[in-house]
Amino acid sequence: MTRYQKFLNNTSLRRAVVLASLVIVLWLARSVMSTILLTFIFTFLVSSLVRAIQRIYPIRPAFVVVPLYAIIVTIVLYSAIHFVPAVAIQSVHLFNSVKDFYYSDAFANNQAMQWVLSSINSMNLDEQFKAGFSTVLQYVGNIGAMGVTLFLSFILSFFYTLETKALNEFGQNFLDSPFGWYFQDLKYFADKFTNTFGVVIEAQIFIAIVNTLITTVTLIVMKMPNIPSLAIMVFLLSMIPVAGAIISVVPLAVIAFTVDGWQGVLTIIVMIAVIHALEAYVLNPKFMSSRTKLPVFFTFVVLILAERLFGTWGLIVGIPVFTFLLDVFGIKKIANTD
């Protein structure tokens, strides 16, 4: 038996080499990582919807994908024409209002607010918020780059979901090739990645939507200004597991203080506590399953390391990637939700 054959028969070593080569390729392609991740997320969500509909009624994917993407394009165009300019103006006004209050004498002379601010600084939560907020401002200032990324991801996910069967048949050619062992191991990791990363991202998006709805209703009742801008901010921060809701307390509490004083701040804190309880005891067990939950300590450690390695994207994909690695190494198995 040759060394090459021994290598092929050593499943653990072979898969380790394949995984290492995959990591190297992704590292080299890091400049287009946003497009890759957005394409995967769009494709996963649409494919899940198609499979759910096909369980009820057998229908060709095209009859679901084409109308769905047409509806999405219509909504996006309508929003771009009617809502985006208004939200942009409101966001600038909101930012200026918070900045003016932050530098005002009322804020500087308020001992309680200064104590809260110093406590937040000691926890380093403001660094995560500044990193995320600066990235959002960078993308807003570069609408062209963000638009191209979204457009490419949207188009790629459309053609993938439309031609899933043909792509699977084409992919079989790679599995049957002389180097089929390599592509079989790639498929092994791809299946695990979809089963872990996809499930966690899907659940986190749903949880973010629920958190945003609850927060938006509360902000409307409190008569807070610039509701659309705040809702967008809450949704983006809610995509960060655990820490997102905590980070959102800072800007919401400052704005609430300018509107309704300490009563507004207390309302925000109570609202975040309710959201945390809902997420911890209802949404996470139901949509993420206890097998994907991590201790809070590990969650924060992973988020800190992921932000250092991948920037703001790391705050969103850090937990799913870590869960995927746990599954690959056999530390924590993730059940398939299909």
C-alpha atoms as a PDB file:
ATOM      1  CA  MET A   1       0.000   0.000   0.000  1.00  0.00           C
ATOM      2  CA  THR A   2       1.464   3.348  -1.080  1.00  0.00           C
ATOM      3  CA  ARG A   3       1.655   6.432   1.146  1.00  0.00           C
ATOM      4  CA  TYR A   4      -1.020   8.048  -0.995  1.00  0.00           C
ATOM      5  CA  GLN A   5      -3.391   5.144  -0.384  1.00  0.00           C
ATOM      6  CA  LYS A   6      -2.604   5.191   3.318  1.00  0.00           C
ATOM      7  CA  PHE A   7      -3.381   8.901   3.327  1.00  0.00           C
ATOM      8  CA  LEU A   8      -6.748   8.298   1.625  1.00  0.00           C
ATOM      9  CA  ASN A   9      -7.618   5.576   4.129  1.00  0.00           C
ATOM     10  CA  ASN A  10      -6.809   7.833   7.084  1.00  0.00           C
ATOM     11  CA  THR A  11     -10.140   9.674   7.219  1.00  0.00           C
ATOM     12  CA  SER A  12      -9.237  12.030  10.064  1.00  0.00           C
ATOM     13  CA  LEU A  13      -5.958  13.162   8.499  1.00  0.00           C
ATOM     14  CA  ARG A  14      -7.490  13.457   5.048  1.00  0.00           C
ATOM     15  CA  ARG A  15     -10.360  15.626   6.279  1.00  0.00           C
ATOM     16  CA  ALA A  16      -7.965  17.765   8.311  1.00  0.00           C
ATOM     17  CA  VAL A  17      -5.966  18.495   5.154  1.00  0.00           C
ATOM     18  CA  VAL A  18      -9.127  19.268   3.185  1.00  0.00           C
ATOM     19  CA  LEU A  19     -10.377  21.591   5.925  1.00  0.00           C
ATOM     20  CA  ALA A  20      -7.008  23.366   6.052  1.00  0.00           C
ATOM     21  CA  SER A  21      -7.033  23.866   2.267  1.00  0.00           C
ATOM     22  CA  LEU A  22     -10.571  25.245   2.502  1.00  0.00           C
ATOM     23  CA  VAL A  23      -9.535  27.719   5.208  1.00  0.00           C
ATOM     24  CA  ILE A  24      -6.615  28.893   3.050  1.00  0.00           C
ATOM     25  CA  VAL A  25      -8.878  29.432   0.031  1.00  0.00           C
ATOM     26  CA  LEU A  26     -11.396  31.394   2.111  1.00  0.00           C
ATOM     27  CA  TRP A  27      -8.597  33.487   3.616  1.00  0.00           C
ATOM     28  CA  LEU A  28      -7.319  34.351   0.156  1.00  0.00           C
ATOM     29  CA  ALA A  29     -10.892  35.253  -0.857  1.00  0.00           C
ATOM     30  CA  ARG A  30     -11.501  37.384   2.255  1.00  0.00           C
ATOM     31  CA  SER A  31     -11.930  40.539   0.144  1.00  0.00           C
ATOM     32  CA  VAL A  32     -15.217  39.109  -1.202  1.00  0.00           C
ATOM     33  CA  MET A  33     -16.244  37.451   2.065  1.00  0.00           C
ATOM     34  CA  SER A  34     -19.272  39.742   2.415  1.00  0.00           C
ATOM     35  CA  THR A  35     -20.572  38.553  -0.951  1.00  0.00           C
ATOM     36  CA  ILE A  36     -19.945  34.905  -0.037  1.00  0.00           C
ATOM     37  CA  LEU A  37     -21.700  35.136   3.330  1.00  0.00           C
ATOM     38  CA  LEU A  38     -24.668  37.146   2.030  1.00  0.00           C
ATOM     39  CA  THR A  39     -25.086  34.734  -0.895  1.00  0.00           C
ATOM     40  CA  PHE A  40     -25.103  31.785   1.485  1.00  0.00           C
ATOM     41  CA  ILE A  41     -27.595  33.443   3.846  1.00  0.00           C
ATOM     42  CA  PHE A  42     -29.969  34.451   1.024  1.00  0.00           C
ATOM     43  CA  THR A  43     -29.703  31.010  -0.578  1.00  0.00           C
ATOM     44  CA  PHE A  44     -30.242  29.167   2.685  1.00  0.00           C
ATOM     45  CA  LEU A  45     -33.336  31.173   3.616  1.00  0.00           C
ATOM     46  CA  VAL A  46     -34.956  30.873   0.178  1.00  0.00           C
ATOM     47  CA  SER A  47     -34.099  27.169  -0.115  1.00  0.00           C
ATOM     48  CA  SER A  48     -35.625  26.546   3.317  1.00  0.00           C
ATOM     49  CA  LEU A  49     -38.807  28.311   2.214  1.00  0.00           C
ATOM     50  CA  VAL A  50     -38.952  26.269  -1.011  1.00  0.00           C
ATOM     51  CA  ARG A  51     -38.524  22.982   0.896  1.00  0.00           C
ATOM     52  CA  ALA A  52     -41.199  24.007   3.415  1.00  0.00           C
ATOM     53  CA  ILE A  53     -43.674  24.735   0.614  1.00  0.00           C
ATOM     54  CA  GLN A  54     -42.776  21.509  -1.216  1.00  0.00           C
ATOM     55  CA  ARG A  55     -43.577  19.497   1.917  1.00  0.00           C
ATOM     56  CA  ILE A  56     -47.131  20.846   1.743  1.00  0.00           C
ATOM     57  CA  TYR A  57     -47.559  20.838  -2.027  1.00  0.00           C
ATOM     58  CA  PRO A  58     -45.098  19.399  -4.579  1.00  0.00           C
ATOM     59  CA  ILE A  59     -44.211  22.294  -6.831  1.00  0.00           C
ATOM     60  CA  ARG A  60     -41.246  23.186  -8.998  1.00  0.00           C
ATOM     61  CA  PRO A  61     -38.814  25.581  -7.282  1.00  0.00           C
ATOM     62  CA  ALA A  62     -39.168  28.100 -10.125  1.00  0.00           C
ATOM     63  CA  PHE A  63     -42.828  28.702  -9.231  1.00  0.00           C
ATOM     64  CA  VAL A  64     -41.712  29.792  -5.754  1.00  0.00           C
ATOM     65  CA  VAL A  65     -38.341  31.427  -6.442  1.00  0.00           C
ATOM     66  CA  VAL A  66     -39.312  33.694  -9.360  1.00  0.00           C
ATOM     67  CA  PRO A  67     -42.409  35.286  -7.700  1.00  0.00           C
ATOM     68  CA  LEU A  68     -40.553  35.591  -4.374  1.00  0.00           C
ATOM     69  CA  TYR A  69     -37.587  37.436  -5.899  1.00  0.00           C
ATOM     70  CA  ALA A  70     -39.926  39.595  -7.974  1.00  0.00           C
ATOM     71  CA  ILE A  71     -41.737  40.630  -4.785  1.00  0.00           C
ATOM     72  CA  ILE A  72     -38.421  41.351  -3.039  1.00  0.00           C
ATOM     73  CA  VAL A  73     -37.207  43.493  -5.960  1.00  0.00           C
ATOM     74  CA  THR A  74     -40.493  45.435  -5.952  1.00  0.00           C
ATOM     75  CA  ILE A  75     -40.284  46.064  -2.201  1.00  0.00           C
ATOM     76  CA  VAL A  76     -36.630  47.128  -2.420  1.00  0.00           C
ATOM     77  CA  LEU A  77     -37.287  49.548  -5.300  1.00  0.00           C
ATOM     78  CA  TYR A  78     -40.342  51.015  -3.582  1.00  0.00           C
ATOM     79  CA  SER A  79     -38.395  51.430  -0.323  1.00  0.00           C
ATOM     80  CA  ALA A  80     -35.422  52.991  -2.113  1.00  0.00           C
ATOM     81  CA  ILE A  81     -37.683  55.579  -3.703  1.00  0.00           C
ATOM     82  CA  HIS A  82     -39.990  56.382  -0.807  1.00  0.00           C
ATOM     83  CA  PHE A  83     -38.328  55.409   2.501  1.00  0.00           C
ATOM     84  CA  VAL A  84     -34.531  55.386   2.176  1.00  0.00           C
ATOM     85  CA  PRO A  85     -34.151  59.180   1.735  1.00  0.00           C
ATOM     86  CA  ALA A  86     -36.418  59.838   4.721  1.00  0.00           C
ATOM     87  CA  VAL A  87     -34.598  57.278   6.889  1.00  0.00           C
ATOM     88  CA  ALA A  88     -31.225  58.747   5.887  1.00  0.00           C
ATOM     89  CA  ILE A  89     -32.355  62.257   6.884  1.00  0.00           C
ATOM     90  CA  GLN A  90     -33.774  60.932  10.168  1.00  0.00           C
ATOM     91  CA  SER A  91     -30.550  59.024  10.893  1.00  0.00           C
ATOM     92  CA  VAL A  92     -28.447  62.159  10.442  1.00  0.00           C
ATOM     93  CA  HIS A  93     -30.834  64.145  12.635  1.00  0.00           C
ATOM     94  CA  LEU A  94     -30.791  61.401  15.285  1.00  0.00           C
ATOM     95  CA  PHE A  95     -26.990  61.271  15.283  1.00  0.00           C
ATOM     96  CA  ASN A  96     -26.745  65.054  15.626  1.00  0.00           C
ATOM     97  CA  SER A  97     -29.268  65.049  18.481  1.00  0.00           C
ATOM     98  CA  VAL A  98     -27.369  62.382  20.418  1.00  0.00           C
ATOM     99  CA  LYS A  99     -24.052  64.146  19.761  1.00  0.00           C
ATOM    100  CA  ASP A 100     -25.431  67.498  20.945  1.00  0.00           C
ATOM    101  CA  PHE A 101     -26.799  65.928  24.118  1.00  0.00           C
ATOM    102  CA  TYR A 102     -23.543  64.016  24.756  1.00  0.00           C
ATOM    103  CA  TYR A 103     -21.558  67.267  24.674  1.00  0.00           C
ATOM    104  CA  SER A 104     -24.159  69.322  26.555  1.00  0.00           C
ATOM    105  CA  ASP A 105     -23.781  70.641  30.101  1.00  0.00           C
ATOM    106  CA  ALA A 106     -26.836  68.637  31.188  1.00  0.00           C
ATOM    107  CA  PHE A 107     -25.054  65.388  30.338  1.00  0.00           C
ATOM    108  CA  ALA A 108     -21.670  66.457  31.746  1.00  0.00           C
ATOM    109  CA  ASN A 109     -23.193  67.602  35.071  1.00  0.00           C
ATOM    110  CA  ASN A 110     -25.419  64.535  35.500  1.00  0.00           C
ATOM    111  CA  GLN A 111     -23.547  62.300  37.958  1.00  0.00           C
ATOM    112  CA  ALA A 112     -25.772  59.286  37.352  1.00  0.00           C
ATOM    113  CA  MET A 113     -25.268  59.381  33.587  1.00  0.00           C
ATOM    114  CA  GLN A 114     -21.520  59.788  34.068  1.00  0.00           C
ATOM    115  CA  TRP A 115     -21.479  56.751  36.378  1.00  0.00           C
ATOM    116  CA  VAL A 116     -23.386  54.688  33.807  1.00  0.00           C
ATOM    117  CA  LEU A 117     -20.984  55.817  31.090  1.00  0.00           C
ATOM    118  CA  SER A 118     -17.906  54.919  33.158  1.00  0.00           C
ATOM    119  CA  SER A 119     -19.397  51.496  33.966  1.00  0.00           C
ATOM    120  CA  ILE A 120     -19.992  50.838  30.283  1.00  0.00           C
ATOM    121  CA  ASN A 121     -16.431  51.898  29.465  1.00  0.00           C
ATOM    122  CA  SER A 122     -15.041  49.484  32.069  1.00  0.00           C
ATOM    123  CA  MET A 123     -16.968  46.623  30.408  1.00  0.00           C
ATOM    124  CA  ASN A 124     -15.561  47.557  26.970  1.00  0.00           C
ATOM    125  CA  LEU A 125     -19.047  47.289  25.441  1.00  0.00           C
ATOM    126  CA  ASP A 126     -18.675  50.711  23.892  1.00  0.00           C
ATOM    127  CA  GLU A 127     -15.763  49.435  21.788  1.00  0.00           C
ATOM    128  CA  GLN A 128     -18.003  46.825  20.180  1.00  0.00           C
ATOM    129  CA  PHE A 129     -20.676  49.437  19.554  1.00  0.00           C
ATOM    130  CA  LYS A 130     -18.187  51.912  18.083  1.00  0.00           C
ATOM    131  CA  ALA A 131     -16.788  49.220  15.793  1.00  0.00           C
ATOM    132  CA  GLY A 132     -20.239  48.237  14.573  1.00  0.00           C
ATOM    133  CA  PHE A 133     -21.444  51.810  14.246  1.00  0.00           C
ATOM    134  CA  SER A 134     -18.330  52.922  12.394  1.00  0.00           C
ATOM    135  CA  THR A 135     -18.752  50.055   9.958  1.00  0.00           C
ATOM    136  CA  VAL A 136     -22.394  50.994   9.392  1.00  0.00           C
ATOM    137  CA  LEU A 137     -21.353  54.601   8.710  1.00  0.00           C
ATOM    138  CA  GLN A 138     -18.640  53.367   6.363  1.00  0.00           C
ATOM    139  CA  TYR A 139     -21.151  51.340   4.372  1.00  0.00           C
ATOM    140  CA  VAL A 140     -23.633  54.209   4.348  1.00  0.00           C
ATOM    141  CA  GLY A 141     -20.897  56.467   3.033  1.00  0.00           C
ATOM    142  CA  ASN A 142     -20.104  53.955   0.326  1.00  0.00           C
ATOM    143  CA  ILE A 143     -23.537  53.125  -1.049  1.00  0.00           C
ATOM    144  CA  GLY A 144     -22.079  51.956  -4.343  1.00  0.00           C
ATOM    145  CA  ALA A 145     -19.948  49.186  -2.797  1.00  0.00           C
ATOM    146  CA  MET A 146     -22.768  48.020  -0.554  1.00  0.00           C
ATOM    147  CA  GLY A 147     -25.208  48.032  -3.466  1.00  0.00           C
ATOM    148  CA  VAL A 148     -22.886  45.968  -5.665  1.00  0.00           C
ATOM    149  CA  THR A 149     -22.341  43.421  -2.888  1.00  0.00           C
ATOM    150  CA  LEU A 150     -26.064  43.050  -2.236  1.00  0.00           C
ATOM    151  CA  PHE A 151     -26.846  42.901  -5.947  1.00  0.00           C
ATOM    152  CA  LEU A 152     -24.261  40.179  -6.641  1.00  0.00           C
ATOM    153  CA  SER A 153     -25.382  38.137  -3.624  1.00  0.00           C
ATOM    154  CA  PHE A 154     -28.994  38.515  -4.644  1.00  0.00           C
ATOM    155  CA  ILE A 155     -28.350  37.425  -8.250  1.00  0.00           C
ATOM    156  CA  LEU A 156     -26.126  34.495  -7.241  1.00  0.00           C
ATOM    157  CA  SER A 157     -28.658  33.214  -4.708  1.00  0.00           C
ATOM    158  CA  PHE A 158     -31.446  33.580  -7.302  1.00  0.00           C
ATOM    159  CA  PHE A 159     -29.702  31.416  -9.898  1.00  0.00           C
ATOM    160  CA  TYR A 160     -28.586  28.872  -7.299  1.00  0.00           C
ATOM    161  CA  THR A 161     -32.079  28.332  -5.884  1.00  0.00           C
ATOM    162  CA  LEU A 162     -33.527  28.307  -9.389  1.00  0.00           C
ATOM    163  CA  GLU A 163     -31.107  25.635 -10.617  1.00  0.00           C
ATOM    164  CA  THR A 164     -30.553  23.598  -7.449  1.00  0.00           C
ATOM    165  CA  LYS A 165     -31.330  20.271  -9.140  1.00  0.00           C
ATOM    166  CA  ALA A 166     -29.058  20.981 -12.129  1.00  0.00           C
ATOM    167  CA  LEU A 167     -26.250  22.127  -9.812  1.00  0.00           C
ATOM    168  CA  ASN A 168     -26.549  18.957  -7.743  1.00  0.00           C
ATOM    169  CA  GLU A 169     -26.341  16.837 -10.894  1.00  0.00           C
ATOM    170  CA  PHE A 170     -23.312  18.829 -12.077  1.00  0.00           C
ATOM    171  CA  GLY A 171     -21.678  18.496  -8.674  1.00  0.00           C
ATOM    172  CA  GLN A 172     -21.993  14.719  -8.885  1.00  0.00           C
ATOM    173  CA  ASN A 173     -19.383  14.818 -11.661  1.00  0.00           C
ATOM    174  CA  PHE A 174     -16.833  16.114  -9.172  1.00  0.00           C
ATOM    175  CA  LEU A 175     -17.669  13.319  -6.718  1.00  0.00           C
ATOM    176  CA  ASP A 176     -17.138  10.699  -9.432  1.00  0.00           C
ATOM    177  CA  SER A 177     -13.815  12.180 -10.628  1.00  0.00           C
ATOM    178  CA  PRO A 178     -10.345  10.703  -9.818  1.00  0.00           C
ATOM    179  CA  PHE A 179     -10.079  13.251  -6.994  1.00  0.00           C
ATOM    180  CA  GLY A 180     -13.596  12.511  -5.815  1.00  0.00           C
ATOM    181  CA  TRP A 181     -12.299  11.876  -2.277  1.00  0.00           C
ATOM    182  CA  TYR A 182     -11.431  15.569  -1.993  1.00  0.00           C
ATOM    183  CA  PHE A 183     -14.841  16.753  -3.157  1.00  0.00           C
ATOM    184  CA  GLN A 184     -16.601  14.160  -0.989  1.00  0.00           C
ATOM    185  CA  ASP A 185     -14.851  15.617   2.043  1.00  0.00           C
ATOM    186  CA  LEU A 186     -15.775  19.116   0.855  1.00  0.00           C
ATOM    187  CA  LYS A 187     -19.385  17.949   0.667  1.00  0.00           C
ATOM    188  CA  TYR A 188     -19.069  16.518   4.173  1.00  0.00           C
ATOM    189  CA  PHE A 189     -17.984  19.899   5.531  1.00  0.00           C
ATOM    190  CA  ALA A 190     -20.542  21.735   3.388  1.00  0.00           C
ATOM    191  CA  ASP A 191     -23.373  19.593   4.812  1.00  0.00           C
ATOM    192  CA  LYS A 192     -22.202  20.215   8.365  1.00  0.00           C
ATOM    193  CA  PHE A 193     -21.739  23.927   7.669  1.00  0.00           C
ATOM    194  CA  THR A 194     -25.268  24.227   6.284  1.00  0.00           C
ATOM    195  CA  ASN A 195     -26.684  22.230   9.183  1.00  0.00           C
ATOM    196  CA  THR A 196     -24.977  24.330  11.862  1.00  0.00           C
ATOM    197  CA  PHE A 197     -24.213  27.766  10.418  1.00  0.00           C
ATOM    198  CA  GLY A 198     -27.440  27.920   8.440  1.00  0.00           C
ATOM    199  CA  VAL A 199     -29.667  26.845  11.308  1.00  0.00           C
ATOM    200  CA  VAL A 200     -28.101  29.308  13.752  1.00  0.00           C
ATOM    201  CA  ILE A 201     -28.226  32.215  11.285  1.00  0.00           C
ATOM    202  CA  GLU A 202     -31.852  31.444  10.378  1.00  0.00           C
ATOM    203  CA  ALA A 203     -32.796  31.355  14.052  1.00  0.00           C
ATOM    204  CA  GLN A 204     -30.844  34.534  14.808  1.00  0.00           C
ATOM    205  CA  ILE A 205     -32.588  36.402  11.995  1.00  0.00           C
ATOM    206  CA  PHE A 206     -35.983  35.337  13.329  1.00  0.00           C
ATOM    207  CA  ILE A 207     -34.988  36.320  16.880  1.00  0.00           C
ATOM    208  CA  ALA A 208     -33.724  39.687  15.583  1.00  0.00           C
ATOM    209  CA  ILE A 209     -37.081  40.302  13.870  1.00  0.00           C
ATOM    210  CA  VAL A 210     -38.992  39.492  17.083  1.00  0.00           C
ATOM    211  CA  ASN A 211     -36.665  41.701  19.162  1.00  0.00           C
ATOM    212  CA  THR A 212     -37.048  44.550  16.666  1.00  0.00           C
ATOM    213  CA  LEU A 213     -40.853  44.314  16.673  1.00  0.00           C
ATOM    214  CA  ILE A 214     -41.017  44.394  20.482  1.00  0.00           C
ATOM    215  CA  THR A 215     -38.548  47.268  20.676  1.00  0.00           C
ATOM    216  CA  THR A 216     -40.285  49.264  17.936  1.00  0.00           C
ATOM    217  CA  VAL A 217     -43.686  48.943  19.635  1.00  0.00           C
ATOM    218  CA  THR A 218     -42.128  50.107  22.918  1.00  0.00           C
ATOM    219  CA  LEU A 219     -40.430  53.069  21.213  1.00  0.00           C
ATOM    220  CA  ILE A 220     -43.711  54.083  19.557  1.00  0.00           C
ATOM    221  CA  VAL A 221     -45.504  53.991  22.927  1.00  0.00           C
ATOM    222  CA  MET A 222     -42.687  56.097  24.415  1.00  0.00           C
ATOM    223  CA  LYS A 223     -43.049  58.555  21.494  1.00  0.00           C
ATOM    224  CA  MET A 224     -39.354  58.311  20.689  1.00  0.00           C
ATOM    225  CA  PRO A 225     -38.089  60.263  17.665  1.00  0.00           C
ATOM    226  CA  ASN A 226     -36.870  58.739  14.395  1.00  0.00           C
ATOM    227  CA  ILE A 227     -38.476  55.310  14.899  1.00  0.00           C
ATOM    228  CA  PRO A 228     -37.403  53.846  11.489  1.00  0.00           C
ATOM    229  CA  SER A 229     -33.740  54.643  12.105  1.00  0.00           C
ATOM    230  CA  LEU A 230     -33.852  53.194  15.615  1.00  0.00           C
ATOM    231  CA  ALA A 231     -35.640  50.063  14.357  1.00  0.00           C
ATOM    232  CA  ILE A 232     -32.924  49.473  11.738  1.00  0.00           C
ATOM    233  CA  MET A 233     -30.216  49.947  14.379  1.00  0.00           C
ATOM    234  CA  VAL A 234     -31.942  47.507  16.777  1.00  0.00           C
ATOM    235  CA  PHE A 235     -32.317  44.878  14.023  1.00  0.00           C
ATOM    236  CA  LEU A 236     -28.633  45.079  13.052  1.00  0.00           C
ATOM    237  CA  LEU A 237     -27.492  44.881  16.678  1.00  0.00           C
ATOM    238  CA  SER A 238     -29.927  42.015  17.374  1.00  0.00           C
ATOM    239  CA  MET A 239     -28.005  39.950  14.820  1.00  0.00           C
ATOM    240  CA  ILE A 240     -25.185  39.857  17.408  1.00  0.00           C
ATOM    241  CA  PRO A 241     -26.049  37.020  19.835  1.00  0.00           C
ATOM    242  CA  VAL A 242     -26.460  38.026  23.500  1.00  0.00           C
ATOM    243  CA  ALA A 243     -24.271  41.145  23.283  1.00  0.00           C
ATOM    244  CA  GLY A 244     -26.444  42.882  20.671  1.00  0.00           C
ATOM    245  CA  ALA A 245     -29.314  43.622  23.031  1.00  0.00           C
ATOM    246  CA  ILE A 246     -26.888  44.853  25.706  1.00  0.00           C
ATOM    247  CA  ILE A 247     -25.086  47.142  23.261  1.00  0.00           C
ATOM    248  CA  SER A 248     -28.401  48.609  22.073  1.00  0.00           C
ATOM    249  CA  VAL A 249     -29.118  49.803  25.630  1.00  0.00           C
ATOM    250  CA  VAL A 250     -26.497  52.556  25.318  1.00  0.00           C
ATOM    251  CA  PRO A 251     -27.922  54.654  22.446  1.00  0.00           C
ATOM    252  CA  LEU A 252     -31.540  53.854  23.341  1.00  0.00           C
ATOM    253  CA  ALA A 253     -31.046  54.892  26.967  1.00  0.00           C
ATOM    254  CA  VAL A 254     -29.366  58.172  25.969  1.00  0.00           C
ATOM    255  CA  ILE A 255     -32.174  59.038  23.546  1.00  0.00           C
ATOM    256  CA  ALA A 256     -34.837  57.964  26.073  1.00  0.00           C
ATOM    257  CA  PHE A 257     -33.240  60.236  28.684  1.00  0.00           C
ATOM    258  CA  THR A 258     -33.513  63.219  26.338  1.00  0.00           C
ATOM    259  CA  VAL A 259     -37.194  62.428  25.717  1.00  0.00           C
ATOM    260  CA  ASP A 260     -38.542  61.267  29.089  1.00  0.00           C
ATOM    261  CA  GLY A 261     -35.739  61.534  31.651  1.00  0.00           C
ATOM    262  CA  TRP A 262     -35.027  58.649  34.005  1.00  0.00           C
ATOM    263  CA  GLN A 263     -38.484  57.189  33.467  1.00  0.00           C
ATOM    264  CA  GLY A 264     -37.574  56.665  29.822  1.00  0.00           C
ATOM    265  CA  VAL A 265     -34.245  55.055  30.761  1.00  0.00           C
ATOM    266  CA  LEU A 266     -36.025  52.715  33.185  1.00  0.00           C
ATOM    267  CA  THR A 267     -38.525  51.767  30.474  1.00  0.00           C
ATOM    268  CA  ILE A 268     -35.677  50.913  28.088  1.00  0.00           C
ATOM    269  CA  ILE A 269     -33.939  48.769  30.735  1.00  0.00           C
ATOM    270  CA  VAL A 270     -37.173  46.907  31.521  1.00  0.00           C
ATOM    271  CA  MET A 271     -37.795  46.364  27.806  1.00  0.00           C
ATOM    272  CA  ILE A 272     -34.282  44.929  27.270  1.00  0.00           C
ATOM    273  CA  ALA A 273     -34.761  42.657  30.315  1.00  0.00           C
ATOM    274  CA  VAL A 274     -38.047  41.369  28.866  1.00  0.00           C
ATOM    275  CA  ILE A 275     -36.396  40.775  25.484  1.00  0.00           C
ATOM    276  CA  HIS A 276     -33.536  38.915  27.162  1.00  0.00           C
ATOM    277  CA  ALA A 277     -35.986  36.725  29.091  1.00  0.00           C
ATOM    278  CA  LEU A 278     -37.986  36.027  25.925  1.00  0.00           C
ATOM    279  CA  GLU A 279     -34.845  35.187  23.972  1.00  0.00           C
ATOM    280  CA  ALA A 280     -33.347  33.009  26.727  1.00  0.00           C
ATOM    281  CA  TYR A 281     -36.429  31.041  27.763  1.00  0.00           C
ATOM    282  CA  VAL A 282     -38.632  30.982  24.658  1.00  0.00           C
ATOM    283  CA  LEU A 283     -36.924  31.843  21.369  1.00  0.00           C
ATOM    284  CA  ASN A 284     -33.519  30.192  21.872  1.00  0.00           C
ATOM    285  CA  PRO A 285     -34.873  26.843  23.151  1.00  0.00           C
ATOM    286  CA  LYS A 286     -37.500  26.727  20.398  1.00  0.00           C
ATOM    287  CA  PHE A 287     -35.537  27.925  17.369  1.00  0.00           C
ATOM    288  CA  MET A 288     -31.888  27.204  18.206  1.00  0.00           C
ATOM    289  CA  SER A 289     -32.360  24.118  20.378  1.00  0.00           C
ATOM    290  CA  SER A 290     -30.444  23.482  23.577  1.00  0.00           C
ATOM    291  CA  ARG A 291     -27.740  21.724  21.564  1.00  0.00           C
ATOM    292  CA  THR A 292     -26.696  24.967  19.852  1.00  0.00           C
ATOM    293  CA  LYS A 293     -26.757  27.152  22.965  1.00  0.00           C
ATOM    294  CA  LEU A 294     -23.438  28.090  24.497  1.00  0.00           C
ATOM    295  CA  PRO A 295     -22.658  29.327  28.001  1.00  0.00           C
ATOM    296  CA  VAL A 296     -22.687  33.122  28.157  1.00  0.00           C
ATOM    297  CA  PHE A 297     -18.961  33.167  29.004  1.00  0.00           C
ATOM    298  CA  PHE A 298     -18.086  31.237  25.830  1.00  0.00           C
ATOM    299  CA  THR A 299     -20.442  33.424  23.823  1.00  0.00           C
ATOM    300  CA  PHE A 300     -18.637  36.625  24.828  1.00  0.00           C
ATOM    301  CA  VAL A 301     -15.175  35.079  24.373  1.00  0.00           C
ATOM    302  CA  VAL A 302     -16.088  33.889  20.873  1.00  0.00           C
ATOM    303  CA  LEU A 303     -17.554  37.297  19.965  1.00  0.00           C
ATOM    304  CA  ILE A 304     -14.437  39.136  21.158  1.00  0.00           C
ATOM    305  CA  LEU A 305     -12.069  36.830  19.261  1.00  0.00           C
ATOM    306  CA  ALA A 306     -14.246  36.780  16.136  1.00  0.00           C
ATOM    307  CA  GLU A 307     -14.415  40.590  16.075  1.00  0.00           C
ATOM    308  CA  ARG A 308     -10.634  40.756  16.277  1.00  0.00           C
ATOM    309  CA  LEU A 309     -10.220  38.223  13.445  1.00  0.00           C
ATOM    310  CA  PHE A 310     -13.065  39.135  11.069  1.00  0.00           C
ATOM    311  CA  GLY A 311     -14.148  42.632  12.088  1.00  0.00           C
ATOM    312  CA  THR A 312     -17.844  43.441  12.408  1.00  0.00           C
ATOM    313  CA  TRP A 313     -18.801  40.347  10.379  1.00  0.00           C
ATOM    314  CA  GLY A 314     -17.241  38.296  13.183  1.00  0.00           C
ATOM    315  CA  LEU A 315     -19.877  39.549  15.627  1.00  0.00           C
ATOM    316  CA  ILE A 316     -22.576  38.031  13.401  1.00  0.00           C
ATOM    317  CA  VAL A 317     -20.939  34.831  12.124  1.00  0.00           C
ATOM    318  CA  GLY A 318     -18.616  34.094  15.076  1.00  0.00           C
ATOM    319  CA  ILE A 319     -21.103  31.947  17.017  1.00  0.00           C
ATOM    320  CA  PRO A 320     -22.306  29.950  13.951  1.00  0.00           C
ATOM    321  CA  VAL A 321     -18.717  29.276  12.834  1.00  0.00           C
ATOM    322  CA  PHE A 322     -17.713  28.220  16.353  1.00  0.00           C
ATOM    323  CA  THR A 323     -20.742  25.915  16.524  1.00  0.00           C
ATOM    324  CA  PHE A 324     -19.730  24.447  13.158  1.00  0.00           C
ATOM    325  CA  LEU A 325     -16.207  23.726  14.451  1.00  0.00           C
ATOM    326  CA  LEU A 326     -17.632  22.059  17.567  1.00  0.00           C
ATOM    327  CA  ASP A 327     -19.687  19.810  15.316  1.00  0.00           C
ATOM    328  CA  VAL A 328     -16.723  19.028  13.018  1.00  0.00           C
ATOM    329  CA  PHE A 329     -14.505  18.056  15.950  1.00  0.00           C
ATOM    330  CA  GLY A 330     -17.300  15.956  17.445  1.00  0.00           C
ATOM    331  CA  ILE A 331     -17.443  18.053  20.620  1.00  0.00           C
ATOM    332  CA  LYS A 332     -21.077  19.010  20.276  1.00  0.00           C
ATOM    333  CA  LYS A 333     -23.364  17.429  17.708  1.00  0.00           C
ATOM    334  CA  ILE A 334     -25.995  19.606  16.083  1.00  0.00           C
ATOM    335  CA  ALA A 335     -29.206  17.926  15.049  1.00  0.00           C
ATOM    336  CA  ASN A 336     -30.582  18.544  11.590  1.00  0.00           C
ATOM    337  CA  THR A 337     -33.775  20.583  11.684  1.00  0.00           C
ATOM    338  CA  ASP A 338     -35.101  19.263   8.342  1.00  0.00           C
END
